[in-house]
Amino acid sequence: MQYLYITCLFIFTVTTSCSQNNTVTTKDYLNEAFDINGKSGIDSIPVTQVSIQPYRLIHDSNPIAVLTGARTASSGEVVVTAFHNKDNIRSFGQSTSGLSTANDNFSLSDGSMIFLTVAVYADRKGIVFGKKIEPDEVIPFSYDEIGLPGNSVIKRAQEWIITM
């Protein structure tokens, strides 16, 4: 099993096209991802590249509150992982959905396909997830209260930011 260290977001695409009768065809790839010298891609085709100079915040000491819940899934969990174990950052809410893995599809000899986990997310300190990610402060909430005045998660996150 590989560990996918989240320091930037890798995006892999598959080319699709529609024929005249509107059927969708997908270009077959060898499904071999790479990450070499800051370039990432699939089947030797670069898809993304990390800049030479990493982005630096103007005020990197400002606090950042990360809000999570059961609907924080997959790419949302990449963001949670990217902020995990970083100074002046705290997460609030409920556990994420638990889709903190990278999956790949493999063709079988009978023409069927199987999807398997090939990597799990890990933060900058090597803490491996691969399941639900717990926030620093667990705060029960209902998705019905999002955006309403007095939202418990937003209120607590604001209180924490003010004290920093």
N, C-alpha and C. Protein backbone atom coordinates (compact mmCIF):
# COMPACT_ATOMS: atom_id res chain seq x y z
N MET A 1 0.85 -1.17 0.00
CA MET A 1 0.00 0.00 0.00
C MET A 1 0.89 1.24 0.00
N GLN A 2 0.55 2.21 -0.81
CA GLN A 2 1.29 3.46 -0.87
C GLN A 2 0.63 4.47 0.06
N TYR A 3 1.37 5.48 0.45
CA TYR A 3 0.80 6.59 1.19
C TYR A 3 0.82 7.79 0.28
N LEU A 4 -0.29 8.48 0.21
CA LEU A 4 -0.40 9.66 -0.63
C LEU A 4 -0.25 10.87 0.29
N TYR A 5 0.91 11.50 0.26
CA TYR A 5 1.15 12.65 1.11
C TYR A 5 0.54 13.87 0.44
N ILE A 6 -0.37 14.50 1.11
CA ILE A 6 -1.12 15.60 0.53
C ILE A 6 -0.40 16.91 0.81
N THR A 7 0.27 17.42 -0.18
CA THR A 7 0.86 18.75 -0.10
C THR A 7 0.36 19.60 -1.25
N CYS A 8 -0.18 18.97 -2.27
CA CYS A 8 -0.82 19.67 -3.38
C CYS A 8 -1.85 18.70 -3.96
N LEU A 9 -2.69 19.20 -4.84
CA LEU A 9 -3.76 18.38 -5.37
C LEU A 9 -3.39 17.86 -6.75
N PHE A 10 -3.43 16.55 -6.93
CA PHE A 10 -3.14 15.94 -8.22
C PHE A 10 -4.46 15.63 -8.90
N ILE A 11 -4.61 16.03 -10.14
CA ILE A 11 -5.83 15.80 -10.88
C ILE A 11 -5.51 14.94 -12.09
N PHE A 12 -6.22 13.82 -12.21
CA PHE A 12 -6.04 12.95 -13.35
C PHE A 12 -7.34 12.91 -14.13
N THR A 13 -7.24 13.05 -15.43
CA THR A 13 -8.44 13.09 -16.26
C THR A 13 -8.45 11.94 -17.24
N VAL A 14 -9.63 11.57 -17.67
CA VAL A 14 -9.81 10.58 -18.72
C VAL A 14 -10.57 11.26 -19.84
N THR A 15 -10.08 11.13 -21.06
CA THR A 15 -10.71 11.78 -22.19
C THR A 15 -11.93 10.99 -22.64
N THR A 16 -13.05 11.69 -22.81
CA THR A 16 -14.26 11.06 -23.32
C THR A 16 -14.71 11.81 -24.56
N SER A 17 -15.42 11.14 -25.42
CA SER A 17 -15.96 11.78 -26.61
C SER A 17 -17.31 11.18 -26.95
N CYS A 18 -18.14 11.95 -27.62
CA CYS A 18 -19.46 11.47 -28.04
C CYS A 18 -19.43 11.22 -29.54
N SER A 19 -19.97 10.09 -29.95
CA SER A 19 -20.09 9.81 -31.37
C SER A 19 -21.37 10.46 -31.88
N GLN A 20 -21.66 10.32 -33.18
CA GLN A 20 -22.85 10.95 -33.75
C GLN A 20 -24.15 10.45 -33.12
N ASN A 21 -24.17 9.21 -32.63
CA ASN A 21 -25.38 8.69 -32.00
C ASN A 21 -25.39 8.93 -30.49
N ASN A 22 -24.56 9.86 -30.03
CA ASN A 22 -24.50 10.29 -28.63
C ASN A 22 -24.07 9.20 -27.66
N THR A 23 -23.36 8.19 -28.10
CA THR A 23 -22.81 7.22 -27.16
C THR A 23 -21.45 7.72 -26.71
N VAL A 24 -21.14 7.53 -25.46
CA VAL A 24 -19.89 8.03 -24.89
C VAL A 24 -18.84 6.94 -24.97
N THR A 25 -17.66 7.32 -25.45
CA THR A 25 -16.53 6.39 -25.46
C THR A 25 -15.43 6.97 -24.59
N THR A 26 -14.70 6.13 -23.96
CA THR A 26 -13.62 6.56 -23.08
C THR A 26 -12.31 6.04 -23.61
N LYS A 27 -11.30 6.92 -23.70
CA LYS A 27 -9.98 6.50 -24.13
C LYS A 27 -9.38 5.61 -23.05
N ASP A 28 -8.86 4.47 -23.44
CA ASP A 28 -8.23 3.57 -22.48
C ASP A 28 -6.82 4.04 -22.15
N TYR A 29 -6.50 4.09 -20.88
CA TYR A 29 -5.18 4.44 -20.41
C TYR A 29 -4.55 3.23 -19.75
N LEU A 30 -3.26 3.27 -19.63
CA LEU A 30 -2.56 2.22 -18.91
C LEU A 30 -2.73 2.39 -17.41
N ASN A 31 -3.27 3.54 -17.02
CA ASN A 31 -3.52 3.84 -15.61
C ASN A 31 -2.25 3.84 -14.77
N GLU A 32 -1.17 4.33 -15.32
CA GLU A 32 0.07 4.42 -14.56
C GLU A 32 0.32 5.88 -14.22
N ALA A 33 0.11 6.21 -12.96
CA ALA A 33 0.31 7.58 -12.50
C ALA A 33 1.78 7.78 -12.16
N PHE A 34 2.24 9.03 -12.29
CA PHE A 34 3.62 9.34 -11.92
C PHE A 34 3.68 10.68 -11.22
N ASP A 35 4.73 10.87 -10.45
CA ASP A 35 5.02 12.12 -9.77
C ASP A 35 6.54 12.25 -9.75
N ILE A 36 7.07 13.03 -10.69
CA ILE A 36 8.51 13.17 -10.85
C ILE A 36 8.87 14.64 -10.95
N ASN A 37 9.78 15.08 -10.11
CA ASN A 37 10.31 16.45 -10.15
C ASN A 37 9.20 17.50 -10.17
N GLY A 38 8.17 17.30 -9.36
CA GLY A 38 7.09 18.28 -9.27
C GLY A 38 6.03 18.16 -10.33
N LYS A 39 6.19 17.25 -11.29
CA LYS A 39 5.17 17.03 -12.31
C LYS A 39 4.43 15.74 -12.00
N SER A 40 3.09 15.80 -12.14
CA SER A 40 2.27 14.62 -11.92
C SER A 40 1.39 14.40 -13.13
N GLY A 41 1.11 13.14 -13.41
CA GLY A 41 0.25 12.84 -14.54
C GLY A 41 -0.09 11.38 -14.61
N ILE A 42 -0.56 10.99 -15.78
CA ILE A 42 -0.95 9.61 -15.99
C ILE A 42 -0.51 9.18 -17.37
N ASP A 43 0.00 7.97 -17.47
CA ASP A 43 0.48 7.42 -18.74
C ASP A 43 1.47 8.34 -19.44
N SER A 44 2.43 8.86 -18.71
CA SER A 44 3.50 9.75 -19.17
C SER A 44 3.01 11.10 -19.68
N ILE A 45 1.74 11.44 -19.46
CA ILE A 45 1.20 12.73 -19.88
C ILE A 45 1.10 13.62 -18.63
N PRO A 46 1.91 14.69 -18.55
CA PRO A 46 1.81 15.58 -17.38
C PRO A 46 0.44 16.23 -17.31
N VAL A 47 -0.16 16.22 -16.13
CA VAL A 47 -1.47 16.82 -15.93
C VAL A 47 -1.36 18.07 -15.06
N THR A 48 -0.45 18.04 -14.11
CA THR A 48 -0.26 19.18 -13.23
C THR A 48 1.21 19.30 -12.86
N GLN A 49 1.61 20.52 -12.53
CA GLN A 49 3.00 20.75 -12.16
C GLN A 49 3.04 21.72 -11.00
N VAL A 50 3.87 21.44 -10.00
CA VAL A 50 4.05 22.31 -8.87
C VAL A 50 4.97 23.45 -9.29
N SER A 51 4.60 24.67 -8.92
CA SER A 51 5.43 25.81 -9.29
C SER A 51 6.78 25.75 -8.59
N ILE A 52 7.74 26.46 -9.13
CA ILE A 52 9.08 26.47 -8.54
C ILE A 52 9.04 27.10 -7.16
N GLN A 53 8.31 28.21 -7.03
CA GLN A 53 8.19 28.89 -5.75
C GLN A 53 6.84 28.55 -5.13
N PRO A 54 6.82 27.86 -3.98
CA PRO A 54 5.54 27.55 -3.35
C PRO A 54 4.83 28.82 -2.89
N TYR A 55 3.51 28.77 -2.87
CA TYR A 55 2.72 29.91 -2.43
C TYR A 55 2.94 30.15 -0.95
N ARG A 56 3.14 31.38 -0.57
CA ARG A 56 3.32 31.75 0.83
C ARG A 56 2.24 32.76 1.20
N LEU A 57 1.60 32.52 2.33
CA LEU A 57 0.61 33.46 2.83
C LEU A 57 1.29 34.76 3.27
N ILE A 58 0.61 35.86 3.07
CA ILE A 58 1.15 37.15 3.51
C ILE A 58 1.24 37.17 5.03
N HIS A 59 0.21 36.67 5.71
CA HIS A 59 0.19 36.60 7.16
C HIS A 59 -0.02 35.13 7.54
N ASP A 60 1.05 34.38 7.58
CA ASP A 60 0.93 32.94 7.82
C ASP A 60 0.67 32.57 9.27
N SER A 61 0.57 33.57 10.13
CA SER A 61 0.27 33.26 11.53
C SER A 61 -1.23 33.40 11.84
N ASN A 62 -2.02 33.86 10.88
CA ASN A 62 -3.47 33.98 11.11
C ASN A 62 -4.09 32.61 11.30
N PRO A 63 -5.04 32.50 12.22
CA PRO A 63 -5.69 31.21 12.46
C PRO A 63 -6.64 30.83 11.31
N ILE A 64 -6.75 29.55 11.06
CA ILE A 64 -7.66 29.03 10.04
C ILE A 64 -8.50 27.94 10.69
N ALA A 65 -9.82 28.07 10.58
CA ALA A 65 -10.74 27.06 11.10
C ALA A 65 -11.23 26.22 9.93
N VAL A 66 -11.10 24.90 10.06
CA VAL A 66 -11.57 23.97 9.03
C VAL A 66 -12.82 23.29 9.58
N LEU A 67 -13.93 23.40 8.84
CA LEU A 67 -15.20 22.84 9.29
C LEU A 67 -15.46 21.53 8.55
N THR A 68 -15.79 20.49 9.31
CA THR A 68 -15.99 19.17 8.69
C THR A 68 -17.30 18.54 9.15
N GLY A 69 -17.75 17.57 8.39
CA GLY A 69 -18.94 16.82 8.73
C GLY A 69 -19.01 15.57 7.88
N ALA A 70 -20.08 14.83 8.04
CA ALA A 70 -20.24 13.55 7.33
C ALA A 70 -20.29 13.72 5.82
N ARG A 71 -20.61 14.91 5.34
CA ARG A 71 -20.64 15.16 3.89
C ARG A 71 -19.31 15.68 3.36
N THR A 72 -18.32 15.79 4.24
CA THR A 72 -16.97 16.13 3.79
C THR A 72 -16.36 14.82 3.30
N ALA A 73 -16.22 14.69 1.98
CA ALA A 73 -15.81 13.40 1.41
C ALA A 73 -14.76 13.58 0.33
N SER A 74 -13.96 12.56 0.15
CA SER A 74 -13.02 12.43 -0.96
C SER A 74 -12.15 13.68 -1.12
N SER A 75 -12.40 14.50 -2.14
CA SER A 75 -11.55 15.68 -2.36
C SER A 75 -11.64 16.65 -1.18
N GLY A 76 -12.78 16.69 -0.49
CA GLY A 76 -12.90 17.50 0.72
C GLY A 76 -11.97 16.99 1.81
N GLU A 77 -11.80 15.67 1.85
CA GLU A 77 -10.88 15.08 2.83
C GLU A 77 -9.42 15.34 2.45
N VAL A 78 -9.16 15.57 1.17
CA VAL A 78 -7.81 15.99 0.75
C VAL A 78 -7.50 17.35 1.38
N VAL A 79 -8.48 18.25 1.35
CA VAL A 79 -8.28 19.58 1.93
C VAL A 79 -8.07 19.47 3.44
N VAL A 80 -8.88 18.66 4.10
CA VAL A 80 -8.73 18.47 5.55
C VAL A 80 -7.32 17.93 5.85
N THR A 81 -6.87 16.96 5.06
CA THR A 81 -5.54 16.38 5.26
C THR A 81 -4.44 17.42 5.02
N ALA A 82 -4.62 18.27 4.01
CA ALA A 82 -3.61 19.29 3.70
C ALA A 82 -3.43 20.27 4.86
N PHE A 83 -4.50 20.55 5.59
CA PHE A 83 -4.41 21.48 6.72
C PHE A 83 -4.05 20.79 8.02
N HIS A 84 -4.13 19.47 8.08
CA HIS A 84 -3.90 18.73 9.33
C HIS A 84 -2.45 18.90 9.80
N ASN A 85 -2.28 19.05 11.08
CA ASN A 85 -0.95 19.19 11.70
C ASN A 85 -0.20 20.43 11.22
N LYS A 86 -0.91 21.48 10.96
CA LYS A 86 -0.30 22.74 10.58
C LYS A 86 -0.57 23.73 11.71
N ASP A 87 0.43 24.56 12.00
CA ASP A 87 0.29 25.53 13.08
C ASP A 87 -0.87 26.48 12.80
N ASN A 88 -1.52 26.93 13.86
CA ASN A 88 -2.61 27.91 13.81
C ASN A 88 -3.84 27.43 13.04
N ILE A 89 -4.02 26.13 12.94
CA ILE A 89 -5.18 25.58 12.26
C ILE A 89 -5.86 24.60 13.18
N ARG A 90 -7.19 24.67 13.24
CA ARG A 90 -7.97 23.77 14.08
C ARG A 90 -9.23 23.39 13.31
N SER A 91 -9.66 22.13 13.48
CA SER A 91 -10.86 21.68 12.77
C SER A 91 -12.01 21.50 13.77
N PHE A 92 -13.22 21.75 13.28
CA PHE A 92 -14.43 21.74 14.11
C PHE A 92 -15.54 21.02 13.36
N GLY A 93 -16.40 20.32 14.10
CA GLY A 93 -17.56 19.68 13.49
C GLY A 93 -17.63 18.21 13.83
N GLN A 94 -17.92 17.40 12.81
CA GLN A 94 -18.04 15.96 12.99
C GLN A 94 -17.05 15.24 12.08
N SER A 95 -16.94 13.95 12.25
CA SER A 95 -16.05 13.14 11.42
C SER A 95 -16.42 13.27 9.95
N THR A 96 -15.40 13.15 9.09
CA THR A 96 -15.65 13.17 7.65
C THR A 96 -16.27 11.84 7.23
N SER A 97 -16.58 11.69 5.96
CA SER A 97 -17.28 10.49 5.50
C SER A 97 -16.42 9.23 5.45
N GLY A 98 -15.10 9.39 5.42
CA GLY A 98 -14.23 8.21 5.43
C GLY A 98 -13.79 7.74 4.05
N LEU A 99 -13.78 8.63 3.08
CA LEU A 99 -13.33 8.28 1.73
C LEU A 99 -11.94 8.85 1.47
N SER A 100 -11.07 8.72 2.46
CA SER A 100 -9.73 9.30 2.38
C SER A 100 -8.73 8.31 1.80
N THR A 101 -9.05 7.82 0.62
CA THR A 101 -8.17 6.88 -0.08
C THR A 101 -8.14 7.22 -1.56
N ALA A 102 -7.14 6.69 -2.24
CA ALA A 102 -7.08 6.79 -3.70
C ALA A 102 -7.38 5.40 -4.25
N ASN A 103 -8.21 5.34 -5.25
CA ASN A 103 -8.63 4.06 -5.81
C ASN A 103 -8.27 3.99 -7.28
N ASP A 104 -8.12 2.79 -7.78
CA ASP A 104 -7.80 2.59 -9.19
C ASP A 104 -8.62 1.41 -9.69
N ASN A 105 -8.90 1.43 -10.98
CA ASN A 105 -9.65 0.32 -11.57
C ASN A 105 -8.72 -0.60 -12.34
N PHE A 106 -9.04 -1.89 -12.27
CA PHE A 106 -8.23 -2.91 -12.94
C PHE A 106 -9.16 -3.79 -13.76
N SER A 107 -8.81 -3.98 -15.02
CA SER A 107 -9.59 -4.86 -15.89
C SER A 107 -9.24 -6.31 -15.58
N LEU A 108 -10.27 -7.15 -15.52
CA LEU A 108 -10.08 -8.57 -15.28
C LEU A 108 -10.19 -9.34 -16.59
N SER A 109 -9.67 -10.53 -16.60
CA SER A 109 -9.60 -11.32 -17.84
C SER A 109 -10.97 -11.63 -18.44
N ASP A 110 -12.04 -11.62 -17.63
CA ASP A 110 -13.37 -11.91 -18.17
C ASP A 110 -14.08 -10.65 -18.67
N GLY A 111 -13.37 -9.52 -18.71
CA GLY A 111 -13.95 -8.27 -19.20
C GLY A 111 -14.55 -7.41 -18.10
N SER A 112 -14.67 -7.93 -16.90
CA SER A 112 -15.19 -7.13 -15.80
C SER A 112 -14.08 -6.25 -15.24
N MET A 113 -14.44 -5.42 -14.28
CA MET A 113 -13.47 -4.49 -13.72
C MET A 113 -13.62 -4.49 -12.21
N ILE A 114 -12.51 -4.30 -11.52
CA ILE A 114 -12.52 -4.21 -10.06
C ILE A 114 -11.85 -2.90 -9.66
N PHE A 115 -12.42 -2.25 -8.65
CA PHE A 115 -11.85 -1.01 -8.11
C PHE A 115 -11.22 -1.35 -6.76
N LEU A 116 -9.94 -1.02 -6.62
CA LEU A 116 -9.21 -1.32 -5.39
C LEU A 116 -8.55 -0.06 -4.84
N THR A 117 -8.43 -0.02 -3.52
CA THR A 117 -7.70 1.06 -2.88
C THR A 117 -6.21 0.84 -3.13
N VAL A 118 -5.54 1.88 -3.67
CA VAL A 118 -4.12 1.76 -3.97
C VAL A 118 -3.27 2.71 -3.14
N ALA A 119 -3.91 3.65 -2.45
CA ALA A 119 -3.16 4.58 -1.60
C ALA A 119 -4.11 5.16 -0.57
N VAL A 120 -3.55 5.62 0.54
CA VAL A 120 -4.34 6.29 1.57
C VAL A 120 -3.70 7.65 1.83
N TYR A 121 -4.51 8.59 2.31
CA TYR A 121 -4.01 9.93 2.58
C TYR A 121 -3.15 9.93 3.84
N ALA A 122 -2.11 10.74 3.82
CA ALA A 122 -1.27 10.95 5.00
C ALA A 122 -0.88 12.42 5.06
N ASP A 123 -0.80 12.96 6.26
CA ASP A 123 -0.46 14.37 6.38
C ASP A 123 1.05 14.58 6.37
N ARG A 124 1.45 15.82 6.55
CA ARG A 124 2.87 16.20 6.46
C ARG A 124 3.75 15.54 7.50
N LYS A 125 3.15 15.05 8.58
CA LYS A 125 3.91 14.36 9.62
C LYS A 125 3.83 12.85 9.50
N GLY A 126 3.19 12.37 8.43
CA GLY A 126 3.11 10.93 8.20
C GLY A 126 1.95 10.24 8.89
N ILE A 127 1.04 11.00 9.47
CA ILE A 127 -0.15 10.38 10.07
C ILE A 127 -1.05 9.91 8.94
N VAL A 128 -1.35 8.61 8.94
CA VAL A 128 -2.12 7.99 7.87
C VAL A 128 -3.60 7.99 8.23
N PHE A 129 -4.45 8.31 7.27
CA PHE A 129 -5.89 8.32 7.52
C PHE A 129 -6.53 7.06 6.95
N GLY A 130 -7.07 7.08 5.75
CA GLY A 130 -7.66 5.89 5.17
C GLY A 130 -9.02 5.54 5.73
N LYS A 131 -9.55 6.41 6.56
CA LYS A 131 -10.88 6.22 7.15
C LYS A 131 -11.41 7.60 7.51
N LYS A 132 -12.44 7.64 8.34
CA LYS A 132 -12.98 8.93 8.75
C LYS A 132 -11.91 9.76 9.45
N ILE A 133 -11.93 11.07 9.18
CA ILE A 133 -10.98 11.98 9.81
C ILE A 133 -11.73 12.73 10.91
N GLU A 134 -11.23 12.60 12.12
CA GLU A 134 -11.86 13.24 13.28
C GLU A 134 -11.41 14.70 13.36
N PRO A 135 -12.34 15.62 13.65
CA PRO A 135 -11.94 17.02 13.85
C PRO A 135 -11.26 17.19 15.20
N ASP A 136 -10.55 18.29 15.35
CA ASP A 136 -9.92 18.59 16.64
C ASP A 136 -10.99 18.76 17.73
N GLU A 137 -12.09 19.41 17.39
CA GLU A 137 -13.20 19.58 18.33
C GLU A 137 -14.46 19.00 17.71
N VAL A 138 -14.98 17.94 18.33
CA VAL A 138 -16.21 17.33 17.84
C VAL A 138 -17.39 18.14 18.36
N ILE A 139 -18.22 18.62 17.41
CA ILE A 139 -19.40 19.41 17.75
C ILE A 139 -20.57 18.83 16.97
N PRO A 140 -21.51 18.19 17.66
CA PRO A 140 -22.67 17.64 16.96
C PRO A 140 -23.48 18.76 16.30
N PHE A 141 -23.97 18.50 15.09
CA PHE A 141 -24.80 19.48 14.40
C PHE A 141 -25.69 18.76 13.39
N SER A 142 -26.67 19.48 12.93
CA SER A 142 -27.56 18.99 11.88
C SER A 142 -27.30 19.81 10.63
N TYR A 143 -27.32 19.16 9.48
CA TYR A 143 -27.12 19.92 8.24
C TYR A 143 -28.24 20.92 8.00
N ASP A 144 -29.37 20.77 8.69
CA ASP A 144 -30.47 21.72 8.57
C ASP A 144 -30.12 23.09 9.16
N GLU A 145 -29.14 23.13 10.08
CA GLU A 145 -28.80 24.39 10.74
C GLU A 145 -27.70 25.17 10.01
N ILE A 146 -27.14 24.61 8.94
CA ILE A 146 -26.07 25.30 8.22
C ILE A 146 -26.61 26.59 7.62
N GLY A 147 -25.92 27.66 7.86
CA GLY A 147 -26.31 28.97 7.34
C GLY A 147 -27.27 29.74 8.22
N LEU A 148 -27.75 29.10 9.27
CA LEU A 148 -28.67 29.78 10.17
C LEU A 148 -27.89 30.50 11.27
N PRO A 149 -28.44 31.60 11.78
CA PRO A 149 -27.77 32.29 12.90
C PRO A 149 -27.61 31.34 14.09
N GLY A 150 -26.48 31.41 14.74
CA GLY A 150 -26.24 30.59 15.91
C GLY A 150 -25.76 29.18 15.60
N ASN A 151 -25.36 28.92 14.36
CA ASN A 151 -24.84 27.60 13.99
C ASN A 151 -23.71 27.24 14.96
N SER A 152 -23.84 26.09 15.63
CA SER A 152 -22.92 25.72 16.71
C SER A 152 -21.47 25.55 16.24
N VAL A 153 -21.27 25.00 15.05
CA VAL A 153 -19.91 24.77 14.57
C VAL A 153 -19.25 26.10 14.20
N ILE A 154 -19.97 26.93 13.46
CA ILE A 154 -19.41 28.23 13.07
C ILE A 154 -19.17 29.10 14.30
N LYS A 155 -20.10 29.06 15.24
CA LYS A 155 -19.96 29.86 16.47
C LYS A 155 -18.69 29.47 17.22
N ARG A 156 -18.44 28.17 17.39
CA ARG A 156 -17.25 27.71 18.11
C ARG A 156 -15.97 28.06 17.36
N ALA A 157 -16.01 27.90 16.02
CA ALA A 157 -14.83 28.25 15.21
C ALA A 157 -14.51 29.74 15.32
N GLN A 158 -15.55 30.58 15.32
CA GLN A 158 -15.34 32.02 15.47
C GLN A 158 -14.76 32.35 16.85
N GLU A 159 -15.28 31.69 17.88
CA GLU A 159 -14.75 31.91 19.23
C GLU A 159 -13.26 31.58 19.28
N TRP A 160 -12.88 30.48 18.68
CA TRP A 160 -11.46 30.06 18.68
C TRP A 160 -10.61 31.08 17.92
N ILE A 161 -11.08 31.52 16.77
CA ILE A 161 -10.31 32.48 15.97
C ILE A 161 -10.10 33.77 16.74
N ILE A 162 -11.13 34.24 17.42
CA ILE A 162 -11.03 35.50 18.19
C ILE A 162 -10.00 35.40 19.30
N THR A 163 -9.86 34.20 19.90
CA THR A 163 -8.91 34.05 21.02
C THR A 163 -7.48 33.88 20.55
N MET A 164 -7.26 33.67 19.29
CA MET A 164 -5.90 33.45 18.79
C MET A 164 -5.13 34.73 18.62
